[in-house]
Amino acid sequence: MINIFKNNHQKFNKIEAHEEDDGFSPEWLDDNLPEGQLLLDVYQTDDKIIVKSTMAGVSPENLFISLNHDMLTIKGRREYDRTLDDSEALMQECYWGSFSRTVILPEEVDPKKIDAVLENGVLTVSLDRIYKNRQIKVKIKS
């Protein structure tokens, strides 16, 4: 798996495909913990597949993005600044805690050309399509 978030800046650099897990493994990444599901928008342009999600209240150090073949996984944690007991809460609709989502991409992407940007509470992951709009001509044998 590839960790796209290699630093704590709001904009992230491309990484090399051969880079593997660098020991970045906070306890909230544990697959056995309960978690909410992340809502995503996925669309394509001629050259890219774009994945967007709202991330209000999530800091870059609480995000982990990985690409494994055609599966993109986004995991994170939204921390609440204090715990409410039942007598204090009048309404509680926001999800706090760990969340994740894995999406199967519709086609192969270049693992060397991935950008992830967290700006104004919106995460945008741009993945370069390998085949783009290249048409493949197939010769028919007779």
Protein backbone atom coordinates (compact mmCIF):
# COMPACT_ATOMS: atom_id res chain seq x y z
CA MET A 1 0.00 0.00 0.00
CA ILE A 2 1.11 3.54 -0.68
CA ASN A 3 0.81 6.26 1.95
CA ILE A 4 0.06 9.48 0.06
CA PHE A 5 0.22 11.62 3.20
CA LYS A 6 3.98 11.72 3.79
CA ASN A 7 4.03 15.10 5.57
CA ASN A 8 1.74 17.37 7.56
CA HIS A 9 1.16 20.08 4.94
CA GLN A 10 -2.24 20.95 3.52
CA LYS A 11 -1.05 20.19 -0.03
CA PHE A 12 0.75 16.97 -0.77
CA ASN A 13 3.44 15.96 -3.21
CA LYS A 14 3.43 13.01 -5.55
CA ILE A 15 5.20 9.92 -4.24
CA GLU A 16 7.08 7.12 -5.88
CA ALA A 17 5.22 3.86 -6.50
CA HIS A 18 7.88 1.72 -4.82
CA GLU A 19 7.46 3.47 -1.46
CA GLU A 20 5.82 1.20 1.10
CA ASP A 21 4.45 1.67 4.60
CA ASP A 22 6.81 3.94 6.51
CA GLY A 23 5.72 2.91 9.99
CA PHE A 24 2.84 5.41 9.99
CA SER A 25 0.30 3.38 11.90
CA PRO A 26 -1.71 5.25 14.53
CA GLU A 27 -4.04 3.12 16.62
CA TRP A 28 -7.15 4.51 14.85
CA LEU A 29 -6.00 2.71 11.69
CA ASP A 30 -6.74 -0.63 13.38
CA ASP A 31 -9.19 -2.54 11.14
CA ASN A 32 -10.98 -3.98 14.18
CA LEU A 33 -12.27 -0.63 15.50
CA PRO A 34 -15.82 0.49 14.70
CA GLU A 35 -15.96 3.22 12.09
CA GLY A 36 -18.32 5.32 10.03
CA GLN A 37 -18.50 5.25 6.28
CA LEU A 38 -17.09 8.15 4.31
CA LEU A 39 -19.22 9.69 1.54
CA LEU A 40 -17.42 10.17 -1.79
CA ASP A 41 -17.91 11.76 -5.18
CA VAL A 42 -15.96 9.96 -7.94
CA TYR A 43 -15.81 11.30 -11.49
CA GLN A 44 -13.49 11.28 -14.47
CA THR A 45 -12.05 13.68 -16.98
CA ASP A 46 -10.19 12.79 -20.16
CA ASP A 47 -6.95 12.36 -18.20
CA LYS A 48 -7.86 11.77 -14.55
CA ILE A 49 -10.09 10.03 -12.06
CA ILE A 50 -11.06 12.45 -9.29
CA VAL A 51 -12.25 11.44 -5.81
CA LYS A 52 -13.70 14.13 -3.53
CA SER A 53 -15.00 14.03 0.01
CA THR A 54 -15.88 16.54 2.69
CA MET A 55 -13.50 16.40 5.64
CA ALA A 56 -14.74 19.11 8.01
CA GLY A 57 -12.80 18.96 11.26
CA VAL A 58 -10.19 16.47 9.99
CA SER A 59 -6.51 17.39 10.03
CA PRO A 60 -3.99 15.95 7.53
CA GLU A 61 -2.22 14.00 10.28
CA ASN A 62 -5.51 12.15 10.89
CA LEU A 63 -5.80 10.97 7.26
CA PHE A 64 -4.34 7.95 5.53
CA ILE A 65 -4.78 7.21 1.83
CA SER A 66 -3.60 4.04 0.13
CA LEU A 67 -3.73 2.63 -3.37
CA ASN A 68 -3.57 -1.12 -3.88
CA HIS A 69 -3.94 -2.01 -7.57
CA ASP A 70 -7.40 -0.66 -8.46
CA MET A 71 -8.61 -0.06 -4.87
CA LEU A 72 -8.32 3.38 -3.31
CA THR A 73 -8.79 3.48 0.47
CA ILE A 74 -9.26 6.62 2.53
CA LYS A 75 -9.16 6.29 6.31
CA GLY A 76 -9.33 9.00 8.89
CA ARG A 77 -10.43 10.19 12.28
CA ARG A 78 -12.52 13.18 13.27
CA GLU A 79 -11.89 14.04 16.90
CA TYR A 80 -14.44 15.80 19.09
CA ASP A 81 -12.89 18.31 21.48
CA ARG A 82 -14.93 17.07 24.43
CA THR A 83 -17.23 14.20 25.33
CA LEU A 84 -20.91 14.95 25.86
CA ASP A 85 -22.92 12.91 28.26
CA ASP A 86 -26.54 12.09 27.45
CA SER A 87 -27.93 14.89 29.63
CA GLU A 88 -25.98 17.58 27.71
CA ALA A 89 -26.75 16.52 24.13
CA LEU A 90 -29.88 18.07 22.63
CA MET A 91 -29.13 16.79 19.13
CA GLN A 92 -26.15 14.80 17.91
CA GLU A 93 -26.03 14.09 14.15
CA CYS A 94 -22.35 14.53 13.32
CA TYR A 95 -20.16 11.44 13.21
CA TRP A 96 -17.07 11.61 15.44
CA GLY A 97 -14.39 8.95 15.44
CA SER A 98 -12.78 6.76 12.79
CA PHE A 99 -14.12 6.51 9.25
CA SER A 100 -13.04 4.80 6.05
CA ARG A 101 -14.06 4.04 2.53
CA THR A 102 -12.60 1.82 -0.17
CA VAL A 103 -13.60 2.37 -3.76
CA ILE A 104 -12.73 0.19 -6.74
CA LEU A 105 -11.51 2.45 -9.51
CA PRO A 106 -13.05 1.93 -12.96
CA GLU A 107 -9.67 1.61 -14.66
CA GLU A 108 -5.96 1.44 -14.02
CA VAL A 109 -4.22 4.56 -12.72
CA ASP A 110 -0.57 5.56 -12.60
CA PRO A 111 0.62 5.08 -8.98
CA LYS A 112 3.43 7.60 -9.61
CA LYS A 113 0.96 10.37 -10.48
CA ILE A 114 -1.38 10.83 -7.55
CA ASP A 115 -2.13 14.16 -5.89
CA ALA A 116 -4.07 14.64 -2.67
CA VAL A 117 -5.10 18.10 -1.47
CA LEU A 118 -7.05 18.99 1.67
CA GLU A 119 -8.39 22.51 1.26
CA ASN A 120 -11.31 24.25 2.99
CA GLY A 121 -12.49 20.94 4.47
CA VAL A 122 -12.63 19.14 1.10
CA LEU A 123 -10.25 16.32 0.20
CA THR A 124 -9.51 15.98 -3.51
CA VAL A 125 -7.53 12.97 -4.75
CA SER A 126 -6.50 13.15 -8.43
CA LEU A 127 -5.27 9.97 -10.10
CA ASP A 128 -3.83 9.95 -13.62
CA ARG A 129 -5.54 7.46 -15.90
CA ILE A 130 -3.04 5.21 -17.68
CA TYR A 131 -4.99 4.53 -20.84
CA LYS A 132 -6.79 7.87 -21.08
CA ASN A 133 -8.79 8.02 -24.29
CA ARG A 134 -6.42 5.85 -26.26
CA GLN A 135 -8.30 3.66 -28.65
CA ILE A 136 -6.93 0.17 -29.20
CA LYS A 137 -7.37 -1.28 -32.66
CA VAL A 138 -7.86 -5.05 -32.72
CA LYS A 139 -6.95 -6.96 -35.87
CA ILE A 140 -9.46 -9.68 -36.74
CA LYS A 141 -8.04 -12.92 -38.11
CA SER A 142 -9.89 -14.68 -40.90
